[in-house]
Protein backbone atom coordinates (compact mmCIF):
# COMPACT_ATOMS: atom_id res chain seq x y z
CA UNK A 1 8.13 -12.15 -0.08
CA UNK A 2 7.48 -8.73 1.40
CA UNK A 3 11.22 -8.01 1.65
CA UNK A 4 11.72 -9.17 -1.92
CA UNK A 5 8.87 -6.86 -2.98
CA UNK A 6 10.54 -3.94 -1.23
CA UNK A 7 13.77 -4.66 -3.12
CA UNK A 8 11.88 -4.72 -6.42
CA UNK A 9 10.07 -1.52 -5.44
CA UNK A 10 13.37 0.30 -4.88
CA UNK A 11 14.61 -1.00 -8.23
CA UNK A 12 11.41 0.41 -9.77
CA UNK A 13 10.38 -3.04 -10.96
CA UNK A 14 6.82 -2.43 -9.92
CA UNK A 15 5.34 -5.49 -11.63
CA UNK A 16 7.57 -7.85 -9.63
CA UNK A 17 7.05 -5.79 -6.48
CA UNK A 18 3.29 -6.13 -6.79
CA UNK A 19 3.54 -9.89 -7.39
CA UNK A 20 5.78 -10.27 -4.33
CA UNK A 21 3.48 -8.23 -2.08
CA UNK A 22 0.44 -10.19 -3.26
CA UNK A 23 2.29 -13.46 -2.55
CA UNK A 24 3.22 -12.19 0.92
CA UNK A 25 -0.46 -11.45 1.57
CA UNK A 26 -1.51 -14.84 0.21
CA UNK A 27 0.91 -16.63 2.54
CA UNK A 28 0.23 -14.44 5.59
CA UNK A 29 -3.21 -12.86 5.18
CA UNK A 30 -3.33 -11.85 8.84
CA UNK A 31 -0.08 -9.87 8.69
CA UNK A 32 -0.67 -6.19 7.93
CA UNK A 33 2.86 -5.61 6.58
CA UNK A 34 2.04 -6.90 3.09
CA UNK A 35 -1.04 -4.70 2.89
CA UNK A 36 0.98 -1.66 3.90
CA UNK A 37 3.61 -2.36 1.25
CA UNK A 38 0.99 -2.97 -1.41
CA UNK A 39 -0.75 0.26 -0.48
CA UNK A 40 2.49 2.21 -0.80
CA UNK A 41 3.13 0.68 -4.21
CA UNK A 42 -0.35 1.48 -5.49
CA UNK A 43 -0.25 5.08 -4.26
CA UNK A 44 3.18 5.53 -5.80
CA UNK A 45 1.75 4.32 -9.11
CA UNK A 46 -1.24 6.67 -8.83
CA UNK A 47 -3.64 3.80 -8.15
CA UNK A 48 -5.06 5.71 -5.19
CA UNK A 49 -8.26 3.76 -4.56
CA UNK A 50 -6.42 0.44 -4.68
CA UNK A 51 -3.85 1.81 -2.27
CA UNK A 52 -6.54 3.04 0.08
CA UNK A 53 -8.28 -0.36 -0.03
CA UNK A 54 -5.02 -2.19 0.72
CA UNK A 55 -4.37 0.05 3.72
CA UNK A 56 -7.96 -0.31 4.95
CA UNK A 57 -7.61 -4.10 4.73
CA UNK A 58 -4.34 -3.85 6.65
CA UNK A 59 -6.13 -1.97 9.44
CA UNK A 60 -8.91 -4.53 9.39
CA UNK A 61 -6.31 -7.25 9.94
CA UNK A 62 -4.40 -5.22 12.54
CA UNK A 63 -6.25 -2.23 14.01
CA UNK A 64 -3.04 -1.27 15.86
CA UNK A 65 -0.94 -0.80 12.70
CA UNK A 66 -0.01 2.83 13.29
CA UNK A 67 2.10 3.07 10.13
CA UNK A 68 -0.88 2.18 7.98
CA UNK A 69 -3.11 4.57 9.90
CA UNK A 70 -0.57 7.38 9.34
CA UNK A 71 -0.34 6.56 5.63
CA UNK A 72 -4.13 6.81 5.28
CA UNK A 73 -4.22 10.10 7.17
CA UNK A 74 -1.44 11.56 4.99
CA UNK A 75 -3.21 10.41 1.85
CA UNK A 76 -6.49 11.99 2.90
CA UNK A 77 -4.73 15.24 3.84
CA UNK A 78 -3.02 15.41 0.46
CA UNK A 79 -6.25 14.66 -1.38
CA UNK A 80 -8.10 17.35 0.58
CA UNK A 81 -5.35 19.92 0.01
CA UNK A 82 -5.02 19.20 -3.69
CA UNK A 83 -7.47 16.71 -5.19
CA UNK A 84 -5.70 16.94 -8.55
CA UNK A 85 -2.35 15.98 -7.01
CA UNK A 86 -3.16 12.32 -7.49
CA UNK A 87 -4.62 10.96 -10.68
CA UNK A 88 -7.72 8.89 -10.10
CA UNK A 89 -8.40 5.58 -11.83
């Protein structure tokens, strides 16, 4: 489901991408990959807090998920540098 979500994401079918990522998480709640993908989708859509929460959950599930950690750091750096760069919910 995560791979299918990535395909939808690249096709800009964000509704189907979100559904696929959520299904991936439902089926494998202890796999951080789905949380990372969902976080990327939400940040791309400007749903910053939802993206942050997805990434934080991914780190909770897998504290060694360096990709998620890097995504959170980049997000915080961008928000600090230009808080208006991302619309808030």
